[in-house]
N, C-alpha and C. Protein backbone atom coordinates (compact mmCIF):
# COMPACT_ATOMS: atom_id res chain seq x y z
N UNK A 1 23.56 -6.19 0.69
CA UNK A 1 22.44 -6.46 1.59
C UNK A 1 21.49 -5.26 1.55
N UNK A 2 20.17 -5.50 1.34
CA UNK A 2 19.23 -4.40 1.28
C UNK A 2 19.04 -3.73 2.64
N UNK A 3 18.63 -2.50 2.60
CA UNK A 3 18.37 -1.75 3.83
C UNK A 3 17.14 -2.35 4.54
N UNK A 4 17.11 -2.27 5.86
CA UNK A 4 15.94 -2.79 6.58
C UNK A 4 14.69 -1.97 6.23
N UNK A 5 13.56 -2.62 6.25
CA UNK A 5 12.31 -1.94 5.93
C UNK A 5 11.86 -1.07 7.10
N UNK A 6 11.32 0.08 6.74
CA UNK A 6 10.85 1.03 7.75
C UNK A 6 9.54 0.56 8.38
N UNK A 7 8.70 -0.10 7.55
CA UNK A 7 7.40 -0.55 8.02
C UNK A 7 7.35 -2.07 7.97
N UNK A 8 6.82 -2.70 9.02
CA UNK A 8 6.72 -4.17 9.03
C UNK A 8 5.76 -4.68 7.95
N UNK A 9 5.98 -5.90 7.51
CA UNK A 9 5.14 -6.50 6.47
C UNK A 9 3.68 -6.57 6.89
N UNK A 10 3.42 -6.82 8.16
CA UNK A 10 2.04 -6.92 8.64
C UNK A 10 1.31 -5.59 8.46
N UNK A 11 2.01 -4.49 8.72
CA UNK A 11 1.41 -3.16 8.55
C UNK A 11 1.13 -2.92 7.07
N UNK A 12 2.08 -3.25 6.22
CA UNK A 12 1.90 -3.07 4.78
C UNK A 12 0.67 -3.82 4.29
N UNK A 13 0.54 -5.07 4.69
CA UNK A 13 -0.60 -5.88 4.26
C UNK A 13 -1.92 -5.30 4.75
N UNK A 14 -1.94 -4.86 6.00
CA UNK A 14 -3.17 -4.30 6.57
C UNK A 14 -3.57 -3.02 5.85
N UNK A 15 -2.60 -2.16 5.56
CA UNK A 15 -2.90 -0.89 4.92
C UNK A 15 -3.33 -1.10 3.47
N UNK A 16 -2.70 -2.01 2.76
CA UNK A 16 -3.11 -2.31 1.38
C UNK A 16 -4.54 -2.84 1.39
N UNK A 17 -4.85 -3.70 2.33
CA UNK A 17 -6.21 -4.24 2.45
C UNK A 17 -7.21 -3.10 2.72
N UNK A 18 -6.81 -2.14 3.54
CA UNK A 18 -7.67 -0.98 3.84
C UNK A 18 -7.97 -0.19 2.56
N UNK A 19 -6.96 0.03 1.74
CA UNK A 19 -7.15 0.77 0.49
C UNK A 19 -8.12 0.01 -0.41
N UNK A 20 -7.93 -1.28 -0.53
CA UNK A 20 -8.76 -2.10 -1.42
C UNK A 20 -10.21 -2.16 -0.96
N UNK A 21 -10.43 -2.34 0.32
CA UNK A 21 -11.80 -2.56 0.81
C UNK A 21 -12.57 -1.27 1.06
N UNK A 22 -11.87 -0.19 1.38
CA UNK A 22 -12.57 1.05 1.73
C UNK A 22 -13.02 1.83 0.51
N UNK A 23 -12.29 1.68 -0.60
CA UNK A 23 -12.61 2.47 -1.78
C UNK A 23 -12.13 3.91 -1.69
N UNK A 24 -11.43 4.22 -0.61
CA UNK A 24 -10.90 5.57 -0.42
C UNK A 24 -9.61 5.74 -1.23
N UNK A 25 -9.32 6.96 -1.64
CA UNK A 25 -8.06 7.20 -2.38
C UNK A 25 -6.84 6.88 -1.53
N UNK A 26 -5.80 6.44 -2.20
CA UNK A 26 -4.55 6.10 -1.53
C UNK A 26 -4.04 7.28 -0.71
N UNK A 27 -4.11 8.47 -1.25
CA UNK A 27 -3.60 9.65 -0.56
C UNK A 27 -4.32 9.89 0.76
N UNK A 28 -5.62 9.64 0.81
CA UNK A 28 -6.39 9.86 2.04
C UNK A 28 -6.02 8.84 3.11
N UNK A 29 -5.92 7.58 2.70
CA UNK A 29 -5.55 6.53 3.65
C UNK A 29 -4.14 6.79 4.18
N UNK A 30 -3.23 7.14 3.29
CA UNK A 30 -1.85 7.41 3.68
C UNK A 30 -1.77 8.56 4.67
N UNK A 31 -2.50 9.63 4.40
CA UNK A 31 -2.48 10.80 5.30
C UNK A 31 -3.01 10.44 6.68
N UNK A 32 -4.10 9.68 6.71
CA UNK A 32 -4.69 9.27 7.99
C UNK A 32 -3.73 8.44 8.83
N UNK A 33 -2.89 7.65 8.15
CA UNK A 33 -2.01 6.73 8.86
C UNK A 33 -0.58 7.24 9.00
N UNK A 34 -0.30 8.42 8.42
CA UNK A 34 1.05 8.98 8.54
C UNK A 34 2.09 8.28 7.69
N UNK A 35 1.64 7.75 6.55
CA UNK A 35 2.53 7.06 5.62
C UNK A 35 2.59 7.91 4.36
N UNK A 36 3.77 8.01 3.76
CA UNK A 36 3.88 8.78 2.54
C UNK A 36 3.02 8.14 1.46
N UNK A 37 2.27 8.98 0.73
CA UNK A 37 1.32 8.44 -0.25
C UNK A 37 1.99 7.65 -1.36
N UNK A 38 3.20 8.05 -1.76
CA UNK A 38 3.88 7.31 -2.83
C UNK A 38 4.37 5.94 -2.33
N UNK A 39 4.72 5.87 -1.06
CA UNK A 39 5.10 4.57 -0.49
C UNK A 39 3.90 3.63 -0.51
N UNK A 40 2.77 4.12 -0.06
CA UNK A 40 1.56 3.30 -0.04
C UNK A 40 1.13 2.93 -1.46
N UNK A 41 1.22 3.86 -2.39
CA UNK A 41 0.86 3.57 -3.77
C UNK A 41 1.74 2.44 -4.32
N UNK A 42 3.02 2.48 -3.98
CA UNK A 42 3.93 1.42 -4.41
C UNK A 42 3.57 0.08 -3.81
N UNK A 43 3.17 0.08 -2.54
CA UNK A 43 2.76 -1.17 -1.89
C UNK A 43 1.54 -1.76 -2.57
N UNK A 44 0.58 -0.89 -2.91
CA UNK A 44 -0.64 -1.36 -3.56
C UNK A 44 -0.30 -1.94 -4.93
N UNK A 45 0.54 -1.25 -5.68
CA UNK A 45 0.94 -1.74 -7.00
C UNK A 45 1.68 -3.07 -6.89
N UNK A 46 2.55 -3.18 -5.91
CA UNK A 46 3.30 -4.42 -5.73
C UNK A 46 2.36 -5.56 -5.35
N UNK A 47 1.38 -5.28 -4.50
CA UNK A 47 0.41 -6.31 -4.11
C UNK A 47 -0.38 -6.77 -5.32
N UNK A 48 -0.76 -5.84 -6.19
CA UNK A 48 -1.48 -6.21 -7.41
C UNK A 48 -0.61 -7.08 -8.32
N UNK A 49 0.66 -6.70 -8.45
CA UNK A 49 1.58 -7.48 -9.30
C UNK A 49 1.80 -8.87 -8.72
N UNK A 50 1.93 -8.97 -7.40
CA UNK A 50 2.13 -10.25 -6.76
C UNK A 50 0.90 -11.15 -6.94
N UNK A 51 -0.26 -10.52 -6.93
CA UNK A 51 -1.52 -11.24 -7.08
C UNK A 51 -1.75 -11.64 -8.53
N UNK A 52 -1.08 -10.96 -9.44
CA UNK A 52 -1.26 -11.25 -10.86
C UNK A 52 -2.33 -10.38 -11.48
N UNK A 53 -2.77 -9.37 -10.76
CA UNK A 53 -3.81 -8.48 -11.27
C UNK A 53 -3.25 -7.47 -12.25
N UNK A 54 -4.15 -6.91 -13.05
CA UNK A 54 -3.72 -5.91 -14.01
C UNK A 54 -4.26 -4.54 -13.66
N UNK A 55 -5.23 -4.46 -12.77
CA UNK A 55 -5.81 -3.17 -12.42
C UNK A 55 -4.97 -2.43 -11.40
N UNK A 56 -4.88 -1.13 -11.60
CA UNK A 56 -4.14 -0.30 -10.65
C UNK A 56 -5.11 0.50 -9.81
N UNK A 57 -4.81 0.62 -8.55
CA UNK A 57 -5.61 1.43 -7.65
C UNK A 57 -4.76 2.63 -7.31
N UNK A 58 -5.17 3.78 -7.77
CA UNK A 58 -4.36 4.99 -7.53
C UNK A 58 -5.11 6.05 -6.82
């Protein structure tokens, strides 16, 4: 059984949307929200993969 997620799915979706729409670097958004930048970067990459996109936002 996988470990429970630290952040709710709704928060993940909202933060990924913030990165996409703001044009700000992942590290800046993560710092502002108190989320580790590599965690947020992984969420963005996963959202792109789920969407079928090939572009990475780093």
